[in-house]
N, C-alpha and C. Protein backbone atom coordinates (compact mmCIF):
# COMPACT_ATOMS: atom_id res chain seq x y z
N MET A 1 20.72 -13.69 17.53
CA MET A 1 19.50 -14.07 18.25
C MET A 1 18.29 -13.39 17.63
N LYS A 2 17.26 -14.18 17.32
CA LYS A 2 16.06 -13.58 16.73
C LYS A 2 15.31 -12.76 17.77
N LYS A 3 14.53 -11.82 17.29
CA LYS A 3 13.81 -10.93 18.20
C LYS A 3 12.73 -11.71 18.95
N LEU A 4 12.65 -11.44 20.25
CA LEU A 4 11.75 -12.20 21.12
C LEU A 4 10.77 -11.30 21.85
N ILE A 5 9.62 -11.87 22.17
CA ILE A 5 8.67 -11.24 23.09
C ILE A 5 8.57 -12.19 24.28
N ILE A 6 8.88 -11.67 25.46
CA ILE A 6 8.79 -12.45 26.70
C ILE A 6 7.73 -11.82 27.59
N THR A 7 6.78 -12.61 28.05
CA THR A 7 5.74 -12.10 28.95
C THR A 7 5.99 -12.61 30.37
N VAL A 8 5.74 -11.74 31.33
CA VAL A 8 5.91 -12.10 32.74
C VAL A 8 4.63 -11.73 33.49
N ASP A 9 3.81 -12.72 33.79
CA ASP A 9 2.54 -12.48 34.48
C ASP A 9 2.61 -12.98 35.92
N GLY A 10 1.69 -12.50 36.72
CA GLY A 10 1.63 -12.93 38.11
C GLY A 10 0.84 -11.95 38.95
N PRO A 11 0.51 -12.32 40.19
CA PRO A 11 -0.27 -11.45 41.07
C PRO A 11 0.53 -10.24 41.56
N ALA A 12 -0.14 -9.35 42.27
CA ALA A 12 0.48 -8.13 42.80
C ALA A 12 1.66 -8.45 43.71
N ALA A 13 2.74 -7.71 43.53
CA ALA A 13 3.94 -7.81 44.38
C ALA A 13 4.62 -9.18 44.34
N SER A 14 4.43 -9.90 43.24
CA SER A 14 5.06 -11.22 43.11
C SER A 14 6.51 -11.13 42.67
N GLY A 15 6.92 -9.96 42.21
CA GLY A 15 8.29 -9.77 41.75
C GLY A 15 8.41 -9.68 40.23
N LYS A 16 7.28 -9.51 39.56
CA LYS A 16 7.26 -9.43 38.09
C LYS A 16 8.18 -8.32 37.57
N GLY A 17 8.07 -7.15 38.20
CA GLY A 17 8.86 -6.00 37.75
C GLY A 17 10.35 -6.21 37.93
N THR A 18 10.73 -6.74 39.09
CA THR A 18 12.15 -7.00 39.39
C THR A 18 12.73 -7.99 38.40
N ILE A 19 11.98 -9.05 38.11
CA ILE A 19 12.43 -10.08 37.18
C ILE A 19 12.52 -9.52 35.76
N SER A 20 11.53 -8.72 35.38
CA SER A 20 11.53 -8.12 34.03
C SER A 20 12.69 -7.16 33.84
N LYS A 21 12.99 -6.38 34.88
CA LYS A 21 14.12 -5.45 34.81
C LYS A 21 15.44 -6.21 34.70
N HIS A 22 15.50 -7.36 35.36
CA HIS A 22 16.69 -8.21 35.27
C HIS A 22 16.86 -8.72 33.84
N ILE A 23 15.77 -9.19 33.23
CA ILE A 23 15.81 -9.69 31.85
C ILE A 23 16.25 -8.57 30.91
N LYS A 24 15.69 -7.39 31.13
CA LYS A 24 16.05 -6.22 30.32
C LYS A 24 17.57 -5.98 30.35
N LYS A 25 18.13 -5.97 31.55
CA LYS A 25 19.55 -5.69 31.72
C LYS A 25 20.42 -6.83 31.20
N LYS A 26 20.06 -8.04 31.52
CA LYS A 26 20.84 -9.23 31.16
C LYS A 26 20.92 -9.44 29.65
N PHE A 27 19.78 -9.25 28.98
CA PHE A 27 19.71 -9.56 27.55
C PHE A 27 19.59 -8.32 26.65
N ASN A 28 19.68 -7.14 27.28
CA ASN A 28 19.57 -5.87 26.53
C ASN A 28 18.24 -5.76 25.78
N PHE A 29 17.15 -6.07 26.49
CA PHE A 29 15.80 -5.99 25.94
C PHE A 29 15.15 -4.66 26.36
N TYR A 30 14.03 -4.35 25.72
CA TYR A 30 13.21 -3.22 26.17
C TYR A 30 12.19 -3.77 27.16
N HIS A 31 11.98 -3.06 28.26
CA HIS A 31 11.03 -3.49 29.28
C HIS A 31 9.80 -2.60 29.27
N LEU A 32 8.63 -3.22 29.14
CA LEU A 32 7.36 -2.50 29.20
C LEU A 32 6.58 -2.98 30.41
N ASP A 33 6.30 -2.08 31.33
CA ASP A 33 5.53 -2.37 32.54
C ASP A 33 4.07 -2.02 32.27
N SER A 34 3.23 -3.02 32.03
CA SER A 34 1.83 -2.73 31.70
C SER A 34 1.09 -2.09 32.87
N GLY A 35 1.48 -2.46 34.10
CA GLY A 35 0.85 -1.87 35.28
C GLY A 35 1.06 -0.37 35.34
N LEU A 36 2.22 0.06 34.85
CA LEU A 36 2.54 1.48 34.83
C LEU A 36 1.57 2.23 33.90
N LEU A 37 1.23 1.61 32.78
CA LEU A 37 0.29 2.24 31.84
C LEU A 37 -1.07 2.43 32.50
N TYR A 38 -1.51 1.42 33.25
CA TYR A 38 -2.80 1.53 33.95
C TYR A 38 -2.75 2.63 35.00
N ARG A 39 -1.62 2.75 35.69
CA ARG A 39 -1.47 3.79 36.71
C ARG A 39 -1.46 5.19 36.09
N ILE A 40 -0.82 5.32 34.93
CA ILE A 40 -0.76 6.61 34.23
C ILE A 40 -2.17 7.05 33.82
N VAL A 41 -2.92 6.11 33.26
CA VAL A 41 -4.29 6.43 32.83
C VAL A 41 -5.16 6.74 34.05
N THR A 42 -4.98 6.01 35.12
CA THR A 42 -5.73 6.26 36.36
C THR A 42 -5.45 7.66 36.89
N LYS A 43 -4.19 8.05 36.88
CA LYS A 43 -3.81 9.38 37.35
C LYS A 43 -4.48 10.47 36.51
N GLU A 44 -4.54 10.24 35.19
CA GLU A 44 -5.19 11.19 34.28
C GLU A 44 -6.68 11.30 34.59
N ILE A 45 -7.30 10.16 34.85
CA ILE A 45 -8.74 10.12 35.16
C ILE A 45 -9.02 10.87 36.46
N VAL A 46 -8.19 10.64 37.47
CA VAL A 46 -8.36 11.29 38.77
C VAL A 46 -8.11 12.79 38.66
N THR A 47 -7.02 13.16 37.98
CA THR A 47 -6.65 14.58 37.81
C THR A 47 -7.73 15.37 37.08
N LYS A 48 -8.30 14.76 36.04
CA LYS A 48 -9.30 15.44 35.21
C LYS A 48 -10.73 15.19 35.70
N LYS A 49 -10.83 14.45 36.82
CA LYS A 49 -12.13 14.18 37.46
C LYS A 49 -13.14 13.55 36.49
N ILE A 50 -12.66 12.54 35.77
CA ILE A 50 -13.51 11.84 34.80
C ILE A 50 -14.39 10.81 35.53
N ASN A 51 -15.66 10.79 35.19
CA ASN A 51 -16.56 9.79 35.75
C ASN A 51 -16.37 8.50 34.94
N PHE A 52 -15.44 7.67 35.38
CA PHE A 52 -15.07 6.48 34.60
C PHE A 52 -16.18 5.42 34.59
N LYS A 53 -17.17 5.57 35.47
CA LYS A 53 -18.28 4.62 35.49
C LYS A 53 -19.33 4.97 34.43
N ASN A 54 -19.21 6.18 33.87
CA ASN A 54 -20.10 6.62 32.80
C ASN A 54 -19.46 6.25 31.46
N ASN A 55 -20.08 5.37 30.74
CA ASN A 55 -19.52 4.84 29.50
C ASN A 55 -19.18 5.93 28.48
N LYS A 56 -20.08 6.90 28.34
CA LYS A 56 -19.88 7.99 27.37
C LYS A 56 -18.71 8.88 27.77
N ASP A 57 -18.66 9.26 29.06
CA ASP A 57 -17.58 10.11 29.56
C ASP A 57 -16.22 9.43 29.39
N LEU A 58 -16.21 8.14 29.67
CA LEU A 58 -14.97 7.37 29.56
C LEU A 58 -14.50 7.29 28.11
N GLN A 59 -15.45 7.08 27.21
CA GLN A 59 -15.12 6.97 25.79
C GLN A 59 -14.55 8.29 25.26
N ILE A 60 -15.15 9.41 25.65
CA ILE A 60 -14.69 10.73 25.23
C ILE A 60 -13.28 10.98 25.76
N PHE A 61 -13.07 10.63 27.01
CA PHE A 61 -11.75 10.82 27.65
C PHE A 61 -10.66 10.02 26.92
N LEU A 62 -10.93 8.75 26.63
CA LEU A 62 -9.94 7.90 25.97
C LEU A 62 -9.66 8.36 24.54
N LYS A 63 -10.68 8.87 23.88
CA LYS A 63 -10.51 9.37 22.51
C LYS A 63 -9.60 10.60 22.50
N LYS A 64 -9.74 11.45 23.51
CA LYS A 64 -8.90 12.64 23.62
C LYS A 64 -7.47 12.30 24.05
N LEU A 65 -7.35 11.26 24.89
CA LEU A 65 -6.03 10.88 25.41
C LEU A 65 -5.14 10.33 24.30
N LYS A 66 -5.70 9.52 23.41
CA LYS A 66 -5.02 8.95 22.23
C LYS A 66 -3.78 8.13 22.57
N LYS A 67 -2.78 8.77 23.16
CA LYS A 67 -1.50 8.10 23.42
C LYS A 67 -1.10 8.24 24.89
N ILE A 68 -0.49 7.19 25.43
CA ILE A 68 -0.04 7.22 26.82
C ILE A 68 1.41 7.68 26.87
N SER A 69 1.68 8.75 27.62
CA SER A 69 3.05 9.24 27.78
C SER A 69 3.71 8.57 28.98
N LEU A 70 4.91 8.03 28.77
CA LEU A 70 5.63 7.34 29.83
C LEU A 70 6.58 8.28 30.58
N LYS A 71 6.54 9.56 30.27
CA LYS A 71 7.51 10.51 30.84
C LYS A 71 7.26 10.83 32.31
N ASN A 72 6.08 11.29 32.66
CA ASN A 72 5.80 11.70 34.04
C ASN A 72 5.29 10.52 34.87
N GLN A 73 6.15 9.98 35.74
CA GLN A 73 5.79 8.80 36.53
C GLN A 73 5.72 9.08 38.03
N SER A 74 5.70 10.35 38.41
CA SER A 74 5.68 10.70 39.84
C SER A 74 4.32 10.39 40.46
N GLY A 75 4.36 9.88 41.70
CA GLY A 75 3.14 9.62 42.46
C GLY A 75 2.32 8.44 41.98
N LEU A 76 2.93 7.54 41.23
CA LEU A 76 2.17 6.43 40.66
C LEU A 76 2.25 5.15 41.49
N ARG A 77 3.20 5.08 42.43
CA ARG A 77 3.44 3.83 43.15
C ARG A 77 2.89 3.81 44.57
N THR A 78 2.04 4.76 44.92
CA THR A 78 1.50 4.81 46.27
C THR A 78 0.40 3.74 46.44
N LEU A 79 0.10 3.41 47.69
CA LEU A 79 -0.94 2.44 47.99
C LEU A 79 -2.30 2.93 47.52
N THR A 80 -2.54 4.25 47.67
CA THR A 80 -3.80 4.86 47.23
C THR A 80 -3.97 4.70 45.73
N MET A 81 -2.89 4.96 44.98
CA MET A 81 -2.94 4.84 43.53
C MET A 81 -3.16 3.38 43.11
N SER A 82 -2.59 2.45 43.87
CA SER A 82 -2.77 1.03 43.58
C SER A 82 -4.24 0.63 43.71
N LYS A 83 -4.90 1.12 44.77
CA LYS A 83 -6.30 0.81 45.00
C LYS A 83 -7.19 1.39 43.90
N LEU A 84 -6.90 2.64 43.51
CA LEU A 84 -7.68 3.30 42.45
C LEU A 84 -7.49 2.60 41.12
N THR A 85 -6.24 2.22 40.84
CA THR A 85 -5.93 1.55 39.58
C THR A 85 -6.66 0.21 39.48
N SER A 86 -6.74 -0.50 40.60
CA SER A 86 -7.43 -1.78 40.63
C SER A 86 -8.91 -1.62 40.26
N LYS A 87 -9.53 -0.53 40.71
CA LYS A 87 -10.94 -0.26 40.40
C LYS A 87 -11.14 0.08 38.93
N ILE A 88 -10.25 0.91 38.41
CA ILE A 88 -10.37 1.40 37.03
C ILE A 88 -9.98 0.34 36.00
N ALA A 89 -9.00 -0.50 36.36
CA ALA A 89 -8.46 -1.49 35.41
C ALA A 89 -9.46 -2.58 35.01
N LYS A 90 -10.55 -2.70 35.75
CA LYS A 90 -11.51 -3.77 35.44
C LYS A 90 -12.43 -3.43 34.26
N PHE A 91 -12.44 -2.15 33.84
CA PHE A 91 -13.32 -1.73 32.76
C PHE A 91 -12.76 -2.12 31.39
N LYS A 92 -13.60 -2.73 30.57
CA LYS A 92 -13.15 -3.26 29.27
C LYS A 92 -12.60 -2.17 28.36
N LYS A 93 -13.23 -1.00 28.35
CA LYS A 93 -12.75 0.08 27.48
C LYS A 93 -11.33 0.51 27.87
N ILE A 94 -11.06 0.51 29.16
CA ILE A 94 -9.72 0.86 29.64
C ILE A 94 -8.72 -0.20 29.20
N ARG A 95 -9.08 -1.46 29.38
CA ARG A 95 -8.19 -2.56 29.03
C ARG A 95 -7.92 -2.60 27.53
N ASP A 96 -8.96 -2.40 26.74
CA ASP A 96 -8.80 -2.39 25.28
C ASP A 96 -7.88 -1.26 24.83
N PHE A 97 -8.06 -0.09 25.45
CA PHE A 97 -7.24 1.08 25.11
C PHE A 97 -5.77 0.82 25.45
N ILE A 98 -5.52 0.28 26.63
CA ILE A 98 -4.14 0.03 27.05
C ILE A 98 -3.52 -1.12 26.26
N ASN A 99 -4.29 -2.15 25.96
CA ASN A 99 -3.77 -3.25 25.15
C ASN A 99 -3.37 -2.77 23.75
N PHE A 100 -4.18 -1.90 23.18
CA PHE A 100 -3.87 -1.32 21.87
C PHE A 100 -2.55 -0.55 21.93
N ASN A 101 -2.38 0.24 23.00
CA ASN A 101 -1.16 1.03 23.17
C ASN A 101 0.06 0.14 23.41
N GLN A 102 -0.14 -0.94 24.17
CA GLN A 102 0.97 -1.86 24.43
C GLN A 102 1.48 -2.48 23.14
N LYS A 103 0.57 -2.92 22.29
CA LYS A 103 0.95 -3.54 21.02
C LYS A 103 1.66 -2.55 20.11
N LYS A 104 1.20 -1.31 20.16
CA LYS A 104 1.82 -0.25 19.36
C LYS A 104 3.25 0.03 19.85
N ILE A 105 3.42 0.10 21.17
CA ILE A 105 4.74 0.35 21.75
C ILE A 105 5.70 -0.79 21.40
N VAL A 106 5.21 -2.03 21.51
CA VAL A 106 6.04 -3.20 21.20
C VAL A 106 6.48 -3.19 19.74
N ARG A 107 5.56 -2.88 18.82
CA ARG A 107 5.92 -2.82 17.40
C ARG A 107 7.03 -1.80 17.15
N GLU A 108 6.91 -0.65 17.81
CA GLU A 108 7.90 0.42 17.63
C GLU A 108 9.26 0.02 18.23
N LYS A 109 9.23 -0.56 19.42
CA LYS A 109 10.48 -0.88 20.13
C LYS A 109 11.22 -2.07 19.51
N LEU A 110 10.48 -2.98 18.86
CA LEU A 110 11.14 -4.12 18.23
C LEU A 110 11.99 -3.71 17.03
N LYS A 111 11.77 -2.49 16.55
CA LYS A 111 12.60 -1.97 15.45
C LYS A 111 14.00 -1.61 15.96
N LYS A 112 14.07 -1.31 17.27
CA LYS A 112 15.34 -0.86 17.87
C LYS A 112 15.99 -1.91 18.77
N PHE A 113 15.17 -2.76 19.39
CA PHE A 113 15.68 -3.74 20.35
C PHE A 113 15.55 -5.16 19.82
N LYS A 114 16.40 -6.05 20.31
CA LYS A 114 16.35 -7.45 19.87
C LYS A 114 15.29 -8.26 20.60
N GLY A 115 14.70 -7.65 21.62
CA GLY A 115 13.64 -8.34 22.35
C GLY A 115 12.90 -7.41 23.27
N ILE A 116 11.70 -7.85 23.66
CA ILE A 116 10.84 -7.08 24.57
C ILE A 116 10.43 -7.98 25.72
N VAL A 117 10.45 -7.45 26.93
CA VAL A 117 9.89 -8.16 28.07
C VAL A 117 8.77 -7.30 28.64
N ILE A 118 7.58 -7.89 28.76
CA ILE A 118 6.40 -7.16 29.24
C ILE A 118 5.86 -7.87 30.46
N ASP A 119 5.63 -7.12 31.54
CA ASP A 119 5.04 -7.74 32.73
C ASP A 119 3.66 -7.17 33.04
N GLY A 120 2.81 -8.04 33.59
CA GLY A 120 1.45 -7.63 33.92
C GLY A 120 0.64 -8.78 34.47
N ARG A 121 -0.66 -8.76 34.21
CA ARG A 121 -1.54 -9.80 34.73
C ARG A 121 -2.30 -10.56 33.65
N ASP A 122 -2.27 -10.03 32.43
CA ASP A 122 -2.95 -10.72 31.32
C ASP A 122 -2.12 -10.66 30.04
N ILE A 123 -0.81 -10.50 30.20
CA ILE A 123 0.05 -10.28 29.03
C ILE A 123 0.19 -11.54 28.19
N GLY A 124 0.52 -12.66 28.84
CA GLY A 124 0.66 -13.91 28.10
C GLY A 124 -0.65 -14.58 27.77
N SER A 125 -1.69 -14.28 28.55
CA SER A 125 -2.99 -14.94 28.36
C SER A 125 -3.90 -14.20 27.38
N VAL A 126 -3.72 -12.87 27.26
CA VAL A 126 -4.62 -12.08 26.41
C VAL A 126 -3.87 -11.21 25.39
N VAL A 127 -2.96 -10.38 25.87
CA VAL A 127 -2.35 -9.35 25.01
C VAL A 127 -1.36 -9.92 24.00
N PHE A 128 -0.45 -10.77 24.47
CA PHE A 128 0.54 -11.37 23.57
C PHE A 128 0.50 -12.89 23.69
N LYS A 129 -0.57 -13.47 23.17
CA LYS A 129 -0.77 -14.92 23.27
C LYS A 129 0.30 -15.71 22.53
N ASN A 130 0.89 -15.09 21.51
CA ASN A 130 1.87 -15.80 20.69
C ASN A 130 3.32 -15.50 21.09
N ALA A 131 3.51 -14.95 22.29
CA ALA A 131 4.87 -14.68 22.77
C ALA A 131 5.69 -15.96 22.79
N GLN A 132 6.96 -15.84 22.42
CA GLN A 132 7.82 -17.03 22.35
C GLN A 132 8.12 -17.61 23.74
N ILE A 133 8.22 -16.74 24.74
CA ILE A 133 8.50 -17.20 26.10
C ILE A 133 7.49 -16.56 27.06
N LYS A 134 6.87 -17.38 27.88
CA LYS A 134 5.91 -16.88 28.87
C LYS A 134 6.30 -17.37 30.26
N PHE A 135 6.34 -16.44 31.21
CA PHE A 135 6.58 -16.80 32.61
C PHE A 135 5.36 -16.43 33.44
N TYR A 136 5.07 -17.25 34.44
CA TYR A 136 4.06 -16.89 35.43
C TYR A 136 4.75 -16.97 36.79
N ILE A 137 4.79 -15.84 37.49
CA ILE A 137 5.49 -15.76 38.78
C ILE A 137 4.50 -15.93 39.92
N LYS A 138 4.72 -16.95 40.74
CA LYS A 138 3.88 -17.12 41.93
C LYS A 138 4.74 -16.92 43.18
N THR A 139 4.17 -16.29 44.18
CA THR A 139 4.89 -16.01 45.42
C THR A 139 3.90 -16.05 46.58
N ASN A 140 4.30 -16.62 47.69
CA ASN A 140 3.46 -16.69 48.88
C ASN A 140 2.94 -15.29 49.26
N PRO A 141 1.63 -15.14 49.51
CA PRO A 141 1.05 -13.82 49.83
C PRO A 141 1.73 -13.11 51.00
N LYS A 142 2.14 -13.86 52.04
CA LYS A 142 2.79 -13.24 53.20
C LYS A 142 4.15 -12.66 52.82
N ILE A 143 4.86 -13.36 51.95
CA ILE A 143 6.16 -12.86 51.47
C ILE A 143 5.96 -11.63 50.60
N ARG A 144 4.93 -11.67 49.76
CA ARG A 144 4.62 -10.51 48.93
C ARG A 144 4.29 -9.29 49.78
N ALA A 145 3.51 -9.53 50.84
CA ALA A 145 3.13 -8.43 51.75
C ALA A 145 4.34 -7.83 52.44
N LYS A 146 5.28 -8.69 52.86
CA LYS A 146 6.49 -8.20 53.52
C LYS A 146 7.32 -7.34 52.58
N ARG A 147 7.43 -7.79 51.34
CA ARG A 147 8.20 -7.05 50.33
C ARG A 147 7.54 -5.71 50.01
N ARG A 148 6.22 -5.73 49.84
CA ARG A 148 5.50 -4.49 49.54
C ARG A 148 5.55 -3.53 50.72
N TYR A 149 5.41 -4.06 51.94
CA TYR A 149 5.48 -3.25 53.17
C TYR A 149 6.84 -2.54 53.25
N LYS A 150 7.91 -3.28 53.02
CA LYS A 150 9.27 -2.71 53.07
C LYS A 150 9.44 -1.63 52.00
N GLU A 151 8.90 -1.92 50.83
CA GLU A 151 8.98 -0.97 49.71
C GLU A 151 8.31 0.35 50.08
N LEU A 152 7.13 0.26 50.69
CA LEU A 152 6.38 1.46 51.08
C LEU A 152 7.11 2.23 52.18
N ILE A 153 7.63 1.52 53.18
CA ILE A 153 8.37 2.15 54.27
C ILE A 153 9.62 2.85 53.75
N ASP A 154 10.33 2.17 52.83
CA ASP A 154 11.55 2.75 52.24
C ASP A 154 11.25 4.03 51.46
N ARG A 155 10.01 4.12 50.95
CA ARG A 155 9.62 5.33 50.20
C ARG A 155 9.09 6.43 51.12
N GLY A 156 9.02 6.11 52.43
CA GLY A 156 8.57 7.11 53.39
C GLY A 156 7.08 7.12 53.62
N GLU A 157 6.37 6.11 53.12
CA GLU A 157 4.92 6.03 53.32
C GLU A 157 4.61 5.32 54.63
N LYS A 158 3.60 5.82 55.35
CA LYS A 158 3.15 5.14 56.56
C LYS A 158 2.40 3.87 56.15
N SER A 159 2.76 2.75 56.76
CA SER A 159 2.16 1.50 56.35
C SER A 159 2.10 0.50 57.50
N ILE A 160 1.11 -0.38 57.47
CA ILE A 160 0.95 -1.44 58.47
C ILE A 160 0.95 -2.76 57.72
N TYR A 161 1.79 -3.69 58.16
CA TYR A 161 1.95 -4.96 57.46
C TYR A 161 0.61 -5.70 57.28
N ASP A 162 -0.19 -5.79 58.34
CA ASP A 162 -1.46 -6.52 58.26
C ASP A 162 -2.40 -5.91 57.21
N SER A 163 -2.36 -4.59 57.10
CA SER A 163 -3.19 -3.91 56.11
C SER A 163 -2.71 -4.21 54.70
N VAL A 164 -1.38 -4.26 54.53
CA VAL A 164 -0.79 -4.56 53.23
C VAL A 164 -1.15 -5.99 52.82
N LEU A 165 -1.06 -6.93 53.76
CA LEU A 165 -1.41 -8.33 53.48
C LEU A 165 -2.88 -8.46 53.08
N LYS A 166 -3.74 -7.78 53.82
CA LYS A 166 -5.17 -7.80 53.52
C LYS A 166 -5.45 -7.23 52.13
N GLU A 167 -4.77 -6.14 51.79
CA GLU A 167 -4.94 -5.50 50.49
C GLU A 167 -4.47 -6.41 49.35
N ILE A 168 -3.36 -7.11 49.57
CA ILE A 168 -2.82 -8.02 48.55
C ILE A 168 -3.78 -9.18 48.31
N LYS A 169 -4.33 -9.75 49.38
CA LYS A 169 -5.28 -10.86 49.25
C LYS A 169 -6.55 -10.41 48.53
N LEU A 170 -7.00 -9.19 48.84
CA LEU A 170 -8.19 -8.64 48.20
C LEU A 170 -7.92 -8.39 46.72
N ARG A 171 -6.71 -7.87 46.43
CA ARG A 171 -6.32 -7.61 45.03
C ARG A 171 -6.27 -8.93 44.24
N ASP A 172 -5.74 -9.97 44.86
CA ASP A 172 -5.69 -11.28 44.22
C ASP A 172 -7.09 -11.76 43.85
N TYR A 173 -8.00 -11.62 44.81
CA TYR A 173 -9.37 -12.07 44.58
C TYR A 173 -10.01 -11.30 43.42
N LYS A 174 -9.84 -9.99 43.44
CA LYS A 174 -10.42 -9.15 42.38
C LYS A 174 -9.81 -9.46 41.02
N ASP A 175 -8.48 -9.62 40.99
CA ASP A 175 -7.79 -9.90 39.72
C ASP A 175 -8.22 -11.23 39.12
N LYS A 176 -8.39 -12.23 39.99
CA LYS A 176 -8.73 -13.58 39.51
C LYS A 176 -10.21 -13.73 39.17
N ASN A 177 -11.04 -12.84 39.70
CA ASN A 177 -12.50 -12.98 39.51
C ASN A 177 -13.13 -11.87 38.68
N ARG A 178 -12.32 -10.96 38.13
CA ARG A 178 -12.93 -9.91 37.31
C ARG A 178 -13.43 -10.50 35.99
N ILE A 179 -14.41 -9.86 35.40
CA ILE A 179 -15.03 -10.34 34.16
C ILE A 179 -14.07 -10.20 32.98
N ASN A 180 -13.42 -9.05 32.89
CA ASN A 180 -12.53 -8.79 31.76
C ASN A 180 -11.08 -9.17 32.08
N SER A 181 -10.54 -10.11 31.30
CA SER A 181 -9.14 -10.54 31.42
C SER A 181 -8.72 -10.88 32.85
N PRO A 182 -9.35 -11.87 33.46
CA PRO A 182 -8.94 -12.25 34.83
C PRO A 182 -7.51 -12.80 34.85
N LEU A 183 -6.89 -12.73 36.01
CA LEU A 183 -5.54 -13.27 36.18
C LEU A 183 -5.59 -14.79 36.13
N VAL A 184 -4.90 -15.37 35.14
CA VAL A 184 -4.81 -16.82 34.99
C VAL A 184 -3.37 -17.17 34.62
N ILE A 185 -3.04 -18.45 34.72
CA ILE A 185 -1.74 -18.90 34.24
C ILE A 185 -1.86 -19.07 32.73
N PRO A 186 -1.09 -18.31 31.94
CA PRO A 186 -1.19 -18.40 30.48
C PRO A 186 -0.84 -19.80 29.96
N LYS A 187 -1.44 -20.16 28.85
CA LYS A 187 -1.14 -21.43 28.21
C LYS A 187 0.35 -21.46 27.84
N ASP A 188 1.00 -22.56 28.10
CA ASP A 188 2.43 -22.77 27.78
C ASP A 188 3.38 -21.95 28.67
N ALA A 189 2.86 -21.36 29.74
CA ALA A 189 3.73 -20.54 30.60
C ALA A 189 4.60 -21.41 31.50
N VAL A 190 5.80 -20.93 31.77
CA VAL A 190 6.70 -21.57 32.73
C VAL A 190 6.39 -20.97 34.10
N ILE A 191 6.00 -21.79 35.06
CA ILE A 191 5.66 -21.30 36.40
C ILE A 191 6.92 -21.22 37.26
N ILE A 192 7.19 -20.04 37.77
CA ILE A 192 8.37 -19.80 38.60
C ILE A 192 7.93 -19.40 40.00
N ASP A 193 8.39 -20.12 41.03
CA ASP A 193 8.08 -19.76 42.42
C ASP A 193 9.14 -18.78 42.92
N ASN A 194 8.71 -17.57 43.20
CA ASN A 194 9.62 -16.50 43.64
C ASN A 194 9.55 -16.30 45.15
N SER A 195 9.18 -17.35 45.89
CA SER A 195 9.05 -17.23 47.34
C SER A 195 10.40 -17.31 48.05
N LYS A 196 11.41 -17.81 47.35
CA LYS A 196 12.74 -17.90 47.95
C LYS A 196 13.52 -16.62 47.66
N THR A 197 14.78 -16.73 47.27
CA THR A 197 15.57 -15.52 47.00
C THR A 197 15.44 -15.11 45.54
N ILE A 198 15.53 -13.81 45.28
CA ILE A 198 15.44 -13.30 43.92
C ILE A 198 16.61 -13.81 43.08
N LYS A 199 17.73 -14.09 43.75
CA LYS A 199 18.91 -14.62 43.06
C LYS A 199 18.60 -15.99 42.45
N THR A 200 17.91 -16.83 43.21
CA THR A 200 17.51 -18.15 42.73
C THR A 200 16.55 -18.02 41.55
N THR A 201 15.61 -17.11 41.66
CA THR A 201 14.63 -16.88 40.60
C THR A 201 15.31 -16.42 39.32
N LYS A 202 16.24 -15.49 39.46
CA LYS A 202 16.96 -14.97 38.28
C LYS A 202 17.70 -16.07 37.55
N LYS A 203 18.31 -16.97 38.30
CA LYS A 203 19.05 -18.09 37.70
C LYS A 203 18.12 -19.00 36.90
N LEU A 204 16.93 -19.28 37.45
CA LEU A 204 15.95 -20.12 36.77
C LEU A 204 15.47 -19.47 35.47
N VAL A 205 15.20 -18.18 35.56
CA VAL A 205 14.73 -17.41 34.39
C VAL A 205 15.81 -17.37 33.31
N ASP A 206 17.03 -17.04 33.71
CA ASP A 206 18.16 -16.97 32.76
C ASP A 206 18.37 -18.30 32.06
N SER A 207 18.33 -19.38 32.85
CA SER A 207 18.55 -20.72 32.32
C SER A 207 17.53 -21.07 31.24
N PHE A 208 16.27 -20.73 31.50
CA PHE A 208 15.21 -21.06 30.55
C PHE A 208 15.35 -20.23 29.27
N ILE A 209 15.63 -18.94 29.41
CA ILE A 209 15.78 -18.07 28.23
C ILE A 209 16.96 -18.52 27.38
N LEU A 210 18.07 -18.82 28.02
CA LEU A 210 19.27 -19.25 27.29
C LEU A 210 19.03 -20.56 26.54
N GLN A 211 18.25 -21.44 27.13
CA GLN A 211 17.90 -22.70 26.45
C GLN A 211 17.10 -22.43 25.19
N LYS A 212 16.19 -21.45 25.29
CA LYS A 212 15.32 -21.13 24.17
C LYS A 212 16.05 -20.47 23.01
N ILE A 213 17.03 -19.62 23.35
CA ILE A 213 17.70 -18.84 22.30
C ILE A 213 18.98 -19.48 21.77
N SER A 214 19.42 -20.56 22.42
CA SER A 214 20.66 -21.20 21.98
C SER A 214 20.44 -22.09 20.75
């Protein structure tokens, strides 16, 4: 099987990560979570108290950061971190820096793995336009809110379903209307509805990939 790049785009809590992890395990691919990179950079900005709205301060910070370390991932999945990441991710300098790092990681990992699966919001539309396989995951906002709510409760975070739903709808609006790399359905993407069971979604994804590589 020739080496592949598979992109998985979609709105917040649509199941992109779960599907990407499944592809990783099923086909022995490397999985890159682009959202994780944004959260790592956000945590660094918050920890070092960088004024990210100041162009000069942000440029100096990114120049010093150079490389994103995937080792320390604690405290990155909280609702507070999600809100902060959404604010910071809209800046072009941040997006350019992370896109550069994503491409570098993919080049390195393709030397060891037969394929890469990357999930995010602009992966197939901006970062890897020439990916051989592109998926766009859509899921009903209420179902996404229920899944995210359960995830937060399971992690021990205090959460209210209505607040989670409101946050998801707001995130959708911001993602689709931001100036830099808005959330869109990538050209040539296969649209998968993940509103039913994840088992059904996995079967659809597997079927399409197997058709492509056979």
